[in-house]
Amino acid sequence: MEKKQTFGLVIVIFLIGGYMLYDQLQKTTYQEVLSSVIGKDESIIEVSVVIDEPLLSKSESVTIQDPKVIKQLMDLDFKVKKSRNHEDLKNSINIRTNKGLHQIYFSYNYVVVGGETYYKIDPVIIPLYDYIEEHDFDWEVATE
């Protein structure tokens, strides 16, 4: 009987350890995700941000060319975790580099970089959204 209990305990510990390892492998940072999409040999020319609020029937956009502001936006430090679940992402950041265009879609809780993998923002307070809202950008409002 004691061998069965020991074996069961070993299996439970193995399963918990495996889950914890898997969970850790799903975590990364916003900067690491960006660096996997934007090459080191690319230089950012401009960044356009589009905020779409369908419930308010409002869409705003701004183009940023100030290198200091662009660097701050790209260097935001927050953690993300790969996720299968996601919500509809209507807001976007378009990064134009010397080699092409890269897109980031985001909401308060999720971000997609390069259109491949959804990441849940951890913690849910999104520094990306906060940073954009804190700046006094000259927003262009789309009229319908």
N, C-alpha and C. Protein backbone atom coordinates (compact mmCIF):
# COMPACT_ATOMS: atom_id res chain seq x y z
N MET A 1 0.82 -1.20 0.00
CA MET A 1 0.00 0.00 0.00
C MET A 1 0.86 1.25 0.00
N GLU A 2 1.95 1.24 0.71
CA GLU A 2 2.83 2.40 0.81
C GLU A 2 3.47 2.73 -0.54
N LYS A 3 3.78 1.71 -1.35
CA LYS A 3 4.38 1.93 -2.67
C LYS A 3 3.39 2.64 -3.59
N LYS A 4 2.12 2.26 -3.50
CA LYS A 4 1.10 2.89 -4.33
C LYS A 4 0.95 4.37 -3.97
N GLN A 5 0.97 4.68 -2.68
CA GLN A 5 0.85 6.07 -2.24
C GLN A 5 2.07 6.89 -2.68
N THR A 6 3.25 6.32 -2.57
CA THR A 6 4.47 7.00 -3.00
C THR A 6 4.43 7.23 -4.50
N PHE A 7 4.04 6.22 -5.25
CA PHE A 7 3.95 6.34 -6.70
C PHE A 7 2.93 7.42 -7.09
N GLY A 8 1.79 7.43 -6.43
CA GLY A 8 0.76 8.44 -6.69
C GLY A 8 1.26 9.85 -6.38
N LEU A 9 1.99 9.98 -5.28
CA LEU A 9 2.55 11.27 -4.89
C LEU A 9 3.58 11.75 -5.92
N VAL A 10 4.41 10.85 -6.41
CA VAL A 10 5.40 11.19 -7.43
C VAL A 10 4.71 11.66 -8.71
N ILE A 11 3.66 10.98 -9.11
CA ILE A 11 2.90 11.35 -10.31
C ILE A 11 2.29 12.74 -10.14
N VAL A 12 1.68 13.02 -8.99
CA VAL A 12 1.07 14.32 -8.73
C VAL A 12 2.14 15.42 -8.78
N ILE A 13 3.28 15.20 -8.14
CA ILE A 13 4.36 16.18 -8.15
C ILE A 13 4.87 16.40 -9.57
N PHE A 14 5.00 15.33 -10.34
CA PHE A 14 5.45 15.43 -11.72
C PHE A 14 4.46 16.26 -12.55
N LEU A 15 3.17 16.01 -12.39
CA LEU A 15 2.16 16.76 -13.14
C LEU A 15 2.15 18.24 -12.77
N ILE A 16 2.25 18.53 -11.49
CA ILE A 16 2.27 19.93 -11.05
C ILE A 16 3.53 20.63 -11.57
N GLY A 17 4.67 19.97 -11.48
CA GLY A 17 5.91 20.54 -12.00
C GLY A 17 5.86 20.77 -13.50
N GLY A 18 5.28 19.82 -14.22
CA GLY A 18 5.14 19.96 -15.67
C GLY A 18 4.25 21.14 -16.03
N TYR A 19 3.15 21.30 -15.31
CA TYR A 19 2.26 22.43 -15.57
C TYR A 19 2.97 23.75 -15.27
N MET A 20 3.70 23.82 -14.17
CA MET A 20 4.40 25.05 -13.81
C MET A 20 5.46 25.40 -14.86
N LEU A 21 6.16 24.41 -15.37
CA LEU A 21 7.16 24.64 -16.42
C LEU A 21 6.48 25.14 -17.69
N TYR A 22 5.39 24.51 -18.09
CA TYR A 22 4.64 24.92 -19.27
C TYR A 22 4.16 26.36 -19.11
N ASP A 23 3.62 26.68 -17.94
CA ASP A 23 3.10 28.02 -17.68
C ASP A 23 4.22 29.06 -17.80
N GLN A 24 5.39 28.77 -17.27
CA GLN A 24 6.52 29.70 -17.35
C GLN A 24 6.99 29.90 -18.78
N LEU A 25 6.93 28.86 -19.60
CA LEU A 25 7.37 28.95 -21.00
C LEU A 25 6.42 29.81 -21.84
N GLN A 26 5.20 30.01 -21.36
CA GLN A 26 4.22 30.83 -22.08
C GLN A 26 4.39 32.32 -21.79
N LYS A 27 5.18 32.67 -20.78
CA LYS A 27 5.34 34.06 -20.37
C LYS A 27 6.54 34.69 -21.06
N THR A 28 6.38 35.96 -21.39
CA THR A 28 7.47 36.73 -22.00
C THR A 28 7.20 38.20 -21.71
N THR A 29 7.90 39.08 -22.40
CA THR A 29 7.66 40.52 -22.23
C THR A 29 7.28 41.13 -23.57
N TYR A 30 6.67 42.28 -23.51
CA TYR A 30 6.28 43.03 -24.69
C TYR A 30 7.52 43.32 -25.55
N GLN A 31 8.62 43.69 -24.92
CA GLN A 31 9.85 44.00 -25.65
C GLN A 31 10.38 42.77 -26.39
N GLU A 32 10.35 41.60 -25.76
CA GLU A 32 10.82 40.38 -26.42
C GLU A 32 9.96 40.04 -27.63
N VAL A 33 8.66 40.23 -27.50
CA VAL A 33 7.76 39.95 -28.62
C VAL A 33 8.05 40.92 -29.77
N LEU A 34 8.21 42.20 -29.45
CA LEU A 34 8.53 43.18 -30.49
C LEU A 34 9.85 42.86 -31.18
N SER A 35 10.86 42.47 -30.41
CA SER A 35 12.17 42.18 -31.01
C SER A 35 12.13 40.94 -31.89
N SER A 36 11.14 40.07 -31.69
CA SER A 36 11.02 38.90 -32.55
C SER A 36 10.40 39.27 -33.90
N VAL A 37 9.76 40.43 -33.97
CA VAL A 37 9.11 40.87 -35.20
C VAL A 37 9.93 41.94 -35.92
N ILE A 38 10.46 42.88 -35.16
CA ILE A 38 11.25 43.97 -35.74
C ILE A 38 12.72 43.64 -35.59
N GLY A 39 13.41 43.52 -36.71
CA GLY A 39 14.82 43.14 -36.71
C GLY A 39 15.73 44.22 -36.16
N LYS A 40 16.88 43.81 -35.67
CA LYS A 40 17.86 44.76 -35.12
C LYS A 40 18.39 45.70 -36.21
N ASP A 41 18.34 45.25 -37.45
CA ASP A 41 18.84 46.07 -38.55
C ASP A 41 17.77 47.02 -39.10
N GLU A 42 16.60 47.04 -38.47
CA GLU A 42 15.53 47.93 -38.92
C GLU A 42 15.51 49.19 -38.06
N SER A 43 15.26 50.32 -38.70
CA SER A 43 15.09 51.56 -37.96
C SER A 43 13.66 52.05 -38.17
N ILE A 44 13.06 52.50 -37.09
CA ILE A 44 11.66 52.93 -37.13
C ILE A 44 11.58 54.35 -37.67
N ILE A 45 10.75 54.52 -38.68
CA ILE A 45 10.56 55.83 -39.32
C ILE A 45 9.41 56.58 -38.65
N GLU A 46 8.28 55.89 -38.50
CA GLU A 46 7.13 56.50 -37.85
C GLU A 46 6.21 55.42 -37.27
N VAL A 47 5.39 55.86 -36.34
CA VAL A 47 4.42 54.98 -35.70
C VAL A 47 3.06 55.65 -35.78
N SER A 48 2.07 54.92 -36.26
CA SER A 48 0.69 55.43 -36.29
C SER A 48 -0.14 54.62 -35.31
N VAL A 49 -0.95 55.32 -34.53
CA VAL A 49 -1.81 54.68 -33.54
C VAL A 49 -3.25 54.97 -33.93
N VAL A 50 -4.08 53.92 -33.97
CA VAL A 50 -5.51 54.08 -34.27
C VAL A 50 -6.29 53.50 -33.10
N ILE A 51 -7.13 54.34 -32.50
CA ILE A 51 -8.00 53.91 -31.40
C ILE A 51 -9.42 53.91 -31.95
N ASP A 52 -10.05 52.75 -31.95
CA ASP A 52 -11.40 52.61 -32.50
C ASP A 52 -12.35 52.25 -31.36
N GLU A 53 -13.30 53.11 -31.09
CA GLU A 53 -14.29 52.88 -30.05
C GLU A 53 -15.67 52.75 -30.69
N PRO A 54 -16.04 51.54 -31.15
CA PRO A 54 -17.30 51.38 -31.86
C PRO A 54 -18.53 51.72 -31.03
N LEU A 55 -18.49 51.50 -29.72
CA LEU A 55 -19.65 51.83 -28.89
C LEU A 55 -19.89 53.33 -28.85
N LEU A 56 -18.82 54.10 -28.99
CA LEU A 56 -18.95 55.56 -29.00
C LEU A 56 -19.01 56.10 -30.43
N SER A 57 -18.99 55.20 -31.41
CA SER A 57 -18.95 55.58 -32.83
C SER A 57 -17.83 56.58 -33.08
N LYS A 58 -16.65 56.23 -32.56
CA LYS A 58 -15.53 57.15 -32.62
C LYS A 58 -14.26 56.40 -33.03
N SER A 59 -13.50 57.01 -33.89
CA SER A 59 -12.21 56.47 -34.28
C SER A 59 -11.21 57.62 -34.33
N GLU A 60 -10.09 57.47 -33.65
CA GLU A 60 -9.06 58.50 -33.61
C GLU A 60 -7.74 57.92 -34.06
N SER A 61 -6.91 58.75 -34.68
CA SER A 61 -5.59 58.28 -35.08
C SER A 61 -4.56 59.38 -34.92
N VAL A 62 -3.32 58.98 -34.78
CA VAL A 62 -2.22 59.92 -34.67
C VAL A 62 -0.98 59.26 -35.27
N THR A 63 -0.15 60.07 -35.93
CA THR A 63 1.11 59.58 -36.46
C THR A 63 2.23 60.23 -35.66
N ILE A 64 3.12 59.40 -35.15
CA ILE A 64 4.21 59.87 -34.29
C ILE A 64 5.52 59.73 -35.06
N GLN A 65 6.26 60.83 -35.16
CA GLN A 65 7.55 60.79 -35.83
C GLN A 65 8.69 61.19 -34.90
N ASP A 66 8.35 61.64 -33.70
CA ASP A 66 9.35 62.04 -32.71
C ASP A 66 10.09 60.80 -32.21
N PRO A 67 11.40 60.67 -32.49
CA PRO A 67 12.15 59.47 -32.08
C PRO A 67 12.09 59.18 -30.58
N LYS A 68 12.04 60.22 -29.77
CA LYS A 68 11.99 60.03 -28.31
C LYS A 68 10.68 59.35 -27.89
N VAL A 69 9.56 59.82 -28.45
CA VAL A 69 8.25 59.25 -28.12
C VAL A 69 8.14 57.83 -28.67
N ILE A 70 8.65 57.62 -29.88
CA ILE A 70 8.63 56.28 -30.47
C ILE A 70 9.43 55.32 -29.60
N LYS A 71 10.60 55.73 -29.15
CA LYS A 71 11.43 54.86 -28.30
C LYS A 71 10.71 54.52 -27.00
N GLN A 72 10.07 55.52 -26.39
CA GLN A 72 9.33 55.27 -25.15
C GLN A 72 8.21 54.26 -25.39
N LEU A 73 7.50 54.40 -26.49
CA LEU A 73 6.40 53.49 -26.82
C LEU A 73 6.91 52.07 -27.05
N MET A 74 8.04 51.94 -27.73
CA MET A 74 8.60 50.62 -28.03
C MET A 74 9.27 49.98 -26.81
N ASP A 75 9.73 50.82 -25.87
CA ASP A 75 10.45 50.31 -24.70
C ASP A 75 9.56 50.08 -23.48
N LEU A 76 8.25 50.16 -23.64
CA LEU A 76 7.37 49.90 -22.50
C LEU A 76 7.67 48.53 -21.92
N ASP A 77 7.65 48.45 -20.61
CA ASP A 77 8.04 47.20 -19.95
C ASP A 77 6.82 46.59 -19.25
N PHE A 78 6.25 45.57 -19.88
CA PHE A 78 5.18 44.83 -19.21
C PHE A 78 5.22 43.38 -19.69
N LYS A 79 4.67 42.52 -18.86
CA LYS A 79 4.70 41.09 -19.14
C LYS A 79 3.45 40.67 -19.90
N VAL A 80 3.65 39.67 -20.76
CA VAL A 80 2.54 39.09 -21.50
C VAL A 80 2.65 37.57 -21.42
N LYS A 81 1.53 36.93 -21.68
CA LYS A 81 1.48 35.47 -21.64
C LYS A 81 0.69 34.98 -22.84
N LYS A 82 1.23 34.00 -23.57
CA LYS A 82 0.52 33.45 -24.72
C LYS A 82 -0.86 33.00 -24.28
N SER A 83 -1.83 33.23 -25.15
CA SER A 83 -3.21 32.91 -24.80
C SER A 83 -3.95 32.37 -26.00
N ARG A 84 -4.79 31.41 -25.78
CA ARG A 84 -5.68 30.90 -26.84
C ARG A 84 -6.95 31.71 -26.87
N ASN A 85 -7.35 32.22 -25.73
CA ASN A 85 -8.55 33.05 -25.64
C ASN A 85 -8.17 34.48 -25.95
N HIS A 86 -9.07 35.21 -26.56
CA HIS A 86 -8.81 36.61 -26.84
C HIS A 86 -10.11 37.31 -27.14
N GLU A 87 -10.02 38.59 -27.25
CA GLU A 87 -11.19 39.40 -27.60
C GLU A 87 -10.90 40.08 -28.94
N ASP A 88 -11.92 40.70 -29.49
CA ASP A 88 -11.76 41.40 -30.75
C ASP A 88 -10.87 42.62 -30.53
N LEU A 89 -9.79 42.71 -31.28
CA LEU A 89 -8.82 43.79 -31.11
C LEU A 89 -9.01 44.82 -32.22
N LYS A 90 -9.52 45.97 -31.87
CA LYS A 90 -9.83 47.01 -32.86
C LYS A 90 -8.79 48.11 -32.90
N ASN A 91 -7.99 48.25 -31.86
CA ASN A 91 -6.98 49.30 -31.80
C ASN A 91 -5.69 48.78 -32.42
N SER A 92 -4.96 49.68 -33.09
CA SER A 92 -3.74 49.21 -33.74
C SER A 92 -2.62 50.23 -33.64
N ILE A 93 -1.42 49.69 -33.72
CA ILE A 93 -0.20 50.48 -33.83
C ILE A 93 0.50 49.98 -35.08
N ASN A 94 0.73 50.88 -36.02
CA ASN A 94 1.42 50.54 -37.26
C ASN A 94 2.83 51.11 -37.19
N ILE A 95 3.80 50.24 -37.26
CA ILE A 95 5.20 50.65 -37.14
C ILE A 95 5.83 50.57 -38.52
N ARG A 96 6.18 51.73 -39.08
CA ARG A 96 6.83 51.77 -40.39
C ARG A 96 8.33 51.86 -40.17
N THR A 97 9.03 50.87 -40.73
CA THR A 97 10.49 50.85 -40.63
C THR A 97 11.09 51.01 -42.02
N ASN A 98 12.41 51.03 -42.07
CA ASN A 98 13.10 51.12 -43.36
C ASN A 98 12.92 49.85 -44.19
N LYS A 99 12.37 48.79 -43.59
CA LYS A 99 12.19 47.52 -44.29
C LYS A 99 10.73 47.10 -44.45
N GLY A 100 9.80 47.92 -44.00
CA GLY A 100 8.40 47.55 -44.18
C GLY A 100 7.51 48.01 -43.05
N LEU A 101 6.33 47.41 -42.97
CA LEU A 101 5.32 47.78 -42.00
C LEU A 101 5.05 46.61 -41.06
N HIS A 102 5.00 46.89 -39.77
CA HIS A 102 4.67 45.89 -38.75
C HIS A 102 3.44 46.40 -38.00
N GLN A 103 2.52 45.49 -37.69
CA GLN A 103 1.29 45.89 -37.02
C GLN A 103 1.14 45.21 -35.67
N ILE A 104 0.63 46.00 -34.73
CA ILE A 104 0.30 45.51 -33.39
C ILE A 104 -1.17 45.83 -33.19
N TYR A 105 -1.94 44.85 -32.79
CA TYR A 105 -3.34 45.08 -32.44
C TYR A 105 -3.46 44.90 -30.94
N PHE A 106 -4.28 45.73 -30.30
CA PHE A 106 -4.34 45.64 -28.84
C PHE A 106 -5.69 46.09 -28.30
N SER A 107 -5.93 45.68 -27.07
CA SER A 107 -7.07 46.12 -26.29
C SER A 107 -6.54 46.36 -24.89
N TYR A 108 -7.45 46.51 -23.94
CA TYR A 108 -7.00 46.67 -22.57
C TYR A 108 -6.30 45.41 -22.05
N ASN A 109 -6.75 44.24 -22.52
CA ASN A 109 -6.28 42.98 -21.95
C ASN A 109 -5.37 42.15 -22.84
N TYR A 110 -5.38 42.40 -24.14
CA TYR A 110 -4.65 41.54 -25.07
C TYR A 110 -3.84 42.36 -26.06
N VAL A 111 -2.83 41.72 -26.61
CA VAL A 111 -2.01 42.33 -27.65
C VAL A 111 -1.60 41.24 -28.64
N VAL A 112 -1.57 41.59 -29.92
CA VAL A 112 -1.11 40.69 -30.97
C VAL A 112 -0.04 41.44 -31.74
N VAL A 113 1.14 40.85 -31.82
CA VAL A 113 2.24 41.46 -32.56
C VAL A 113 2.56 40.55 -33.74
N GLY A 114 2.53 41.11 -34.92
CA GLY A 114 2.84 40.31 -36.11
C GLY A 114 1.69 39.44 -36.57
N GLY A 115 0.54 39.53 -35.93
CA GLY A 115 -0.65 38.82 -36.37
C GLY A 115 -0.66 37.32 -36.14
N GLU A 116 0.26 36.79 -35.36
CA GLU A 116 0.35 35.34 -35.21
C GLU A 116 -0.13 34.83 -33.86
N THR A 117 0.36 35.42 -32.80
CA THR A 117 0.10 34.89 -31.48
C THR A 117 -0.57 35.94 -30.60
N TYR A 118 -1.62 35.54 -29.92
CA TYR A 118 -2.29 36.42 -28.97
C TYR A 118 -1.59 36.32 -27.63
N TYR A 119 -1.44 37.48 -26.97
CA TYR A 119 -0.83 37.52 -25.65
C TYR A 119 -1.78 38.25 -24.71
N LYS A 120 -1.99 37.66 -23.54
CA LYS A 120 -2.77 38.32 -22.50
C LYS A 120 -1.81 39.18 -21.71
N ILE A 121 -2.21 40.40 -21.46
CA ILE A 121 -1.35 41.32 -20.74
C ILE A 121 -1.44 41.01 -19.26
N ASP A 122 -0.28 40.92 -18.63
CA ASP A 122 -0.19 40.54 -17.22
C ASP A 122 0.67 41.57 -16.50
N PRO A 123 0.20 42.34 -15.60
CA PRO A 123 -1.17 42.34 -15.09
C PRO A 123 -2.12 42.98 -16.09
N VAL A 124 -3.40 42.95 -15.77
CA VAL A 124 -4.40 43.42 -16.71
C VAL A 124 -4.28 44.92 -16.96
N ILE A 125 -3.73 45.67 -16.02
CA ILE A 125 -3.53 47.11 -16.24
C ILE A 125 -2.54 47.25 -17.37
N ILE A 126 -2.95 47.85 -18.47
CA ILE A 126 -2.13 47.85 -19.68
C ILE A 126 -1.32 49.13 -19.81
N PRO A 127 -0.03 49.01 -19.64
CA PRO A 127 0.83 50.17 -19.80
C PRO A 127 0.78 50.75 -21.21
N LEU A 128 0.53 49.91 -22.21
CA LEU A 128 0.46 50.37 -23.59
C LEU A 128 -0.69 51.36 -23.76
N TYR A 129 -1.85 50.99 -23.29
CA TYR A 129 -3.02 51.85 -23.39
C TYR A 129 -2.81 53.11 -22.54
N ASP A 130 -2.30 52.94 -21.32
CA ASP A 130 -2.06 54.08 -20.44
C ASP A 130 -1.09 55.07 -21.06
N TYR A 131 -0.02 54.56 -21.65
CA TYR A 131 0.99 55.43 -22.26
C TYR A 131 0.36 56.27 -23.37
N ILE A 132 -0.42 55.64 -24.21
CA ILE A 132 -1.05 56.34 -25.33
C ILE A 132 -2.03 57.39 -24.82
N GLU A 133 -2.81 57.04 -23.80
CA GLU A 133 -3.80 57.98 -23.28
C GLU A 133 -3.16 59.15 -22.53
N GLU A 134 -1.99 58.94 -21.90
CA GLU A 134 -1.32 59.98 -21.13
C GLU A 134 -0.71 61.07 -22.00
N HIS A 135 -0.34 60.75 -23.23
CA HIS A 135 0.30 61.73 -24.09
C HIS A 135 -0.72 62.66 -24.74
N ASP A 136 -0.33 63.89 -24.86
CA ASP A 136 -1.20 64.90 -25.46
C ASP A 136 -0.98 64.92 -26.97
N PHE A 137 -1.35 63.81 -27.63
CA PHE A 137 -1.20 63.72 -29.07
C PHE A 137 -2.25 64.58 -29.77
N ASP A 138 -1.95 65.00 -30.96
CA ASP A 138 -2.87 65.75 -31.79
C ASP A 138 -3.70 64.74 -32.60
N TRP A 139 -4.76 64.22 -31.98
CA TRP A 139 -5.56 63.15 -32.57
C TRP A 139 -6.39 63.67 -33.73
N GLU A 140 -6.48 62.86 -34.77
CA GLU A 140 -7.37 63.14 -35.89
C GLU A 140 -8.60 62.26 -35.69
N VAL A 141 -9.76 62.89 -35.67
CA VAL A 141 -11.00 62.15 -35.44
C VAL A 141 -11.64 61.85 -36.80
N ALA A 142 -11.92 60.59 -37.02
CA ALA A 142 -12.57 60.18 -38.28
C ALA A 142 -14.04 60.50 -38.20
N THR A 143 -14.56 61.04 -39.25
CA THR A 143 -15.99 61.34 -39.29
C THR A 143 -16.67 60.39 -40.25
N GLU A 144 -17.86 60.00 -39.90
CA GLU A 144 -18.59 59.04 -40.73
C GLU A 144 -19.72 59.69 -41.46
